[in-house]
Protein backbone atom coordinates (compact mmCIF):
# COMPACT_ATOMS: atom_id res chain seq x y z
CA MET A 1 -255.32 -123.22 70.93
CA SER A 2 -252.95 -121.35 73.25
CA LYS A 3 -254.31 -119.24 76.06
CA PRO A 4 -254.02 -115.45 75.81
CA MET A 5 -251.32 -113.81 77.86
CA VAL A 6 -252.27 -112.43 81.26
CA PHE A 7 -250.77 -109.07 82.14
CA TYR A 8 -250.68 -107.89 85.75
CA TYR A 9 -250.33 -104.16 86.21
CA ALA A 10 -250.98 -101.43 88.77
CA ARG A 11 -252.29 -97.95 88.18
CA ASN A 12 -249.68 -95.17 88.16
CA ALA A 13 -246.87 -97.75 88.15
CA CYS A 14 -243.96 -98.56 85.86
CA SER A 15 -246.13 -101.35 84.45
CA ILE A 16 -247.73 -98.77 82.17
CA ALA A 17 -244.72 -99.07 79.82
CA PRO A 18 -245.22 -102.76 78.86
CA HIS A 19 -248.98 -102.18 78.98
CA ILE A 20 -248.48 -99.60 76.22
CA ALA A 21 -246.26 -102.01 74.29
CA LEU A 22 -248.92 -104.74 74.39
CA GLU A 23 -251.44 -102.36 72.84
CA GLU A 24 -248.95 -101.05 70.29
CA VAL A 25 -248.27 -104.54 68.90
CA GLY A 26 -251.93 -105.56 69.00
CA ALA A 27 -251.28 -108.48 71.35
CA GLU A 28 -254.10 -110.65 72.62
CA PHE A 29 -253.96 -110.41 76.40
CA GLU A 30 -256.04 -110.24 79.54
CA ALA A 31 -255.24 -107.25 81.74
CA ARG A 32 -255.55 -107.67 85.51
CA CYS A 33 -255.18 -104.71 87.83
CA VAL A 34 -253.32 -105.27 91.11
CA ASP A 35 -254.36 -102.77 93.79
CA LEU A 36 -251.11 -101.81 95.50
CA THR A 37 -252.84 -99.54 98.02
CA ALA A 38 -254.88 -102.51 99.23
CA GLY A 39 -251.77 -104.71 99.42
CA GLU A 40 -252.92 -107.15 96.73
CA GLN A 41 -249.31 -107.53 95.57
CA LEU A 42 -248.66 -109.38 98.84
CA SER A 43 -251.68 -111.68 98.60
CA PRO A 44 -251.02 -115.42 98.23
CA GLY A 45 -252.63 -115.37 94.81
CA PHE A 46 -250.34 -112.73 93.38
CA LEU A 47 -247.23 -114.05 95.15
CA ALA A 48 -247.88 -117.32 93.31
CA VAL A 49 -247.57 -115.31 90.09
CA ASN A 50 -244.55 -113.25 91.17
CA PRO A 51 -242.93 -114.14 94.51
CA ALA A 52 -241.26 -110.72 94.54
CA GLY A 53 -244.68 -109.15 94.98
CA ARG A 54 -244.20 -106.55 92.27
CA VAL A 55 -245.74 -105.55 88.98
CA PRO A 56 -245.54 -105.89 86.08
CA ALA A 57 -245.83 -109.60 85.42
CA LEU A 58 -246.75 -111.30 82.16
CA VAL A 59 -247.96 -114.91 82.26
CA MET A 60 -247.63 -116.97 79.07
CA GLU A 61 -248.50 -120.66 79.00
CA GLU A 62 -248.12 -120.81 82.80
CA ARG A 63 -244.68 -119.18 82.67
CA THR A 64 -244.15 -115.74 84.15
CA VAL A 65 -241.83 -113.00 82.93
CA THR A 66 -241.16 -109.90 85.03
CA GLU A 67 -239.08 -106.68 84.89
CA VAL A 68 -239.96 -103.83 82.57
CA PRO A 69 -236.89 -104.01 80.25
CA ALA A 70 -237.42 -107.73 79.66
CA LEU A 71 -241.12 -107.29 79.00
CA LEU A 72 -240.65 -104.34 76.65
CA THR A 73 -238.05 -106.26 74.65
CA TYR A 74 -240.15 -109.42 74.45
CA ILE A 75 -243.39 -107.65 73.57
CA ALA A 76 -241.73 -105.54 70.86
CA SER A 77 -240.35 -108.77 69.34
CA LEU A 78 -243.90 -110.10 68.88
CA LYS A 79 -244.41 -107.69 66.00
CA THR A 80 -241.11 -106.60 64.55
CA GLY A 81 -242.94 -104.72 61.81
CA ALA A 82 -244.12 -102.21 64.40
CA GLY A 83 -240.54 -100.93 64.57
CA LEU A 84 -240.55 -100.47 68.34
CA ILE A 85 -236.88 -101.49 68.57
CA PRO A 86 -234.38 -99.74 66.29
CA ALA A 87 -232.46 -101.80 63.75
CA VAL A 88 -229.82 -104.13 65.16
CA SER A 89 -226.25 -102.83 64.77
CA SER A 90 -227.44 -99.21 64.64
CA ILE A 91 -226.43 -96.63 67.22
CA GLU A 92 -230.15 -96.12 67.83
CA HIS A 93 -230.43 -99.77 68.87
CA ALA A 94 -227.68 -99.24 71.42
CA ARG A 95 -229.29 -96.01 72.63
CA CYS A 96 -232.64 -97.74 73.08
CA PHE A 97 -231.20 -100.37 75.39
CA GLU A 98 -229.02 -97.80 77.11
CA TRP A 99 -232.25 -96.03 78.08
CA LEU A 100 -233.83 -99.24 79.39
CA ALA A 101 -230.78 -99.93 81.54
CA PHE A 102 -230.42 -96.36 82.79
CA LEU A 103 -234.07 -95.97 83.72
CA SER A 104 -234.31 -99.33 85.49
CA SER A 105 -230.96 -99.41 87.28
CA SER A 106 -230.43 -95.72 88.10
CA VAL A 107 -233.59 -93.62 87.93
CA HIS A 108 -235.95 -96.22 89.35
CA VAL A 109 -233.58 -97.18 92.15
CA ALA A 110 -233.13 -93.53 93.20
CA TYR A 111 -236.88 -92.99 93.10
CA ALA A 112 -237.37 -96.07 95.28
CA GLN A 113 -234.93 -94.60 97.82
CA PHE A 114 -237.27 -91.59 98.00
CA ARG A 115 -240.60 -93.40 97.73
CA ARG A 116 -239.89 -96.84 99.24
CA PRO A 117 -237.07 -96.28 101.76
CA HIS A 118 -237.83 -99.46 103.66
CA ARG A 119 -236.56 -101.47 100.74
CA PHE A 120 -233.14 -100.24 101.84
CA VAL A 121 -233.32 -99.92 105.62
CA SER A 122 -235.32 -101.40 108.49
CA GLN A 123 -238.60 -99.88 109.63
CA ASP A 124 -236.97 -98.52 112.80
CA PHE A 125 -233.96 -96.93 111.03
CA ALA A 126 -233.33 -93.65 112.89
CA CYS A 127 -232.33 -91.60 109.85
CA VAL A 128 -235.06 -92.64 107.44
CA HIS A 129 -236.10 -89.03 106.79
CA ALA A 130 -232.56 -88.14 105.75
CA LEU A 131 -232.50 -91.18 103.46
CA VAL A 132 -235.77 -90.10 101.84
CA GLU A 133 -234.59 -86.54 101.32
CA GLN A 134 -231.33 -87.71 99.76
CA GLY A 135 -233.35 -90.03 97.54
CA ARG A 136 -235.40 -87.05 96.39
CA ARG A 137 -232.24 -85.11 95.57
CA ASN A 138 -230.72 -88.10 93.78
CA THR A 139 -233.88 -88.56 91.72
CA ILE A 140 -234.07 -84.90 90.73
CA ALA A 141 -230.43 -85.00 89.64
CA LEU A 142 -231.18 -88.04 87.49
CA TYR A 143 -234.30 -86.41 86.03
CA ARG A 144 -232.09 -83.54 84.91
CA GLU A 145 -229.70 -86.09 83.44
CA VAL A 146 -232.57 -87.63 81.46
CA GLU A 147 -233.29 -84.22 79.98
CA ARG A 148 -229.61 -83.66 79.17
CA ARG A 149 -229.41 -86.95 77.29
CA LEU A 150 -232.50 -86.37 75.16
CA GLY A 151 -232.36 -84.94 71.67
CA ASP A 152 -235.06 -83.05 69.83
CA GLU A 153 -236.84 -86.12 68.46
CA TRP A 154 -237.47 -89.43 70.28
CA ALA A 155 -235.37 -90.96 73.05
CA ALA A 156 -233.38 -93.35 70.85
CA GLY A 157 -233.29 -91.26 67.68
CA ASN A 158 -235.80 -90.20 65.06
CA ALA A 159 -238.37 -92.96 65.68
CA TYR A 160 -240.73 -93.91 68.49
CA SER A 161 -239.50 -96.92 70.48
CA ILE A 162 -239.92 -98.86 73.71
CA ALA A 163 -237.53 -96.36 75.31
CA ASP A 164 -240.15 -93.62 74.96
CA MET A 165 -242.76 -95.82 76.63
CA TYR A 166 -240.47 -96.30 79.62
CA LEU A 167 -240.02 -92.55 80.03
CA VAL A 168 -243.74 -92.13 80.67
CA PRO A 169 -244.14 -93.40 84.27
CA PHE A 170 -241.13 -91.53 85.65
CA HIS A 171 -242.40 -88.30 84.16
CA GLY A 172 -245.78 -88.93 85.77
CA TRP A 173 -244.24 -89.46 89.20
CA SER A 174 -242.46 -86.09 89.25
CA TRP A 175 -245.24 -84.32 91.17
CA ARG A 176 -244.18 -86.11 94.36
CA LEU A 177 -240.67 -84.64 94.15
CA ASP A 178 -241.58 -80.95 94.41
CA PHE A 179 -239.99 -80.60 90.98
CA ASP A 180 -241.41 -78.64 88.05
CA ILE A 181 -240.73 -81.15 85.30
CA GLU A 182 -242.57 -79.17 82.62
CA ALA A 183 -240.25 -76.20 83.18
CA GLU A 184 -237.03 -78.10 83.81
CA CYS A 185 -237.45 -80.96 81.34
CA PRO A 186 -239.17 -79.56 78.21
CA LYS A 187 -237.75 -82.19 75.82
CA TRP A 188 -238.86 -85.04 78.06
CA SER A 189 -242.28 -83.44 78.52
CA ALA A 190 -242.70 -83.03 74.76
CA ILE A 191 -241.94 -86.73 74.18
CA VAL A 192 -244.42 -87.81 76.83
CA GLU A 193 -247.09 -85.54 75.36
CA ARG A 194 -246.63 -87.20 71.96
CA VAL A 195 -246.70 -90.68 73.49
CA LEU A 196 -249.92 -89.93 75.37
CA ASP A 197 -251.56 -88.80 72.16
CA ARG A 198 -251.20 -92.21 70.51
CA ASP A 199 -254.29 -94.38 70.06
CA ALA A 200 -252.68 -97.39 71.79
CA VAL A 201 -251.80 -95.27 74.80
CA ARG A 202 -255.29 -93.81 74.98
CA ARG A 203 -256.63 -97.37 75.23
CA VAL A 204 -254.21 -98.12 78.07
CA LEU A 205 -255.16 -94.97 79.97
CA ALA A 206 -258.85 -95.73 79.53
CA ARG A 207 -258.35 -99.24 80.91
CA GLU A 208 -256.13 -98.20 83.81
CA ASN A 209 -258.57 -95.50 84.84
CA SER A 210 -261.74 -97.54 84.33
CA HIS A 211 -264.12 -99.12 86.79
CA GLU A 212 -262.99 -100.24 90.19
CA ALA A 213 -265.02 -103.35 89.55
CA GLU A 214 -262.08 -104.73 87.57
CA ALA A 215 -259.77 -104.48 90.57
CA GLN A 216 -262.41 -106.09 92.78
CA THR A 217 -262.74 -108.97 90.31
CA VAL A 218 -259.01 -109.54 90.36
CA ALA A 219 -258.93 -109.44 94.15
CA ALA A 220 -261.64 -112.10 94.23
CA SER A 221 -259.67 -114.29 91.81
CA PHE A 222 -256.59 -114.03 94.08
CA ALA A 223 -258.66 -115.21 97.02
CA ARG A 224 -259.73 -118.41 95.28
């Protein structure tokens, strides 16, 4: 009998998107919280899972897959009847993967410039504050572009998809930007509100906001 998948996530991170997907398809998996504030992503135990020291990571039969677009695509394929990826050869299919690419390669990179500037420059870089401020401006411009690209239904068309899941974390990070996303991005906000109202997403939020004992258990397993 094969072992259940092990999913490594962090609270308030982009990992919430594949976490939602796992619940949506009814996958059997073990969820392990990685405490980023405590630096657990840099522990030897987690680096053995993902040498990049980042979440999410999904371990299947001792093989690890990382990166949100890859995980969303794989997880959705586990239950094609859930319809989380639009039909192949449809414009909605193209739009879905356009969103995954845009969010991962443009929006997330700009947000990292704002939030994690030392991924781009050394710790002693003299103009780090200017880099951070430009990252904030770049991110806000891209948030407005997200809103411009959205229609009145779901991200990729008239049906819920993995693209909508990926919109959730970025929306949740907007408070750090001094940006009123509810006022400036009403279509995006409406999509996120509908996503958060789904039963699968409620289960994810309950897990990610549950006892700290879970994080302590994971930390102890890394130390072994």
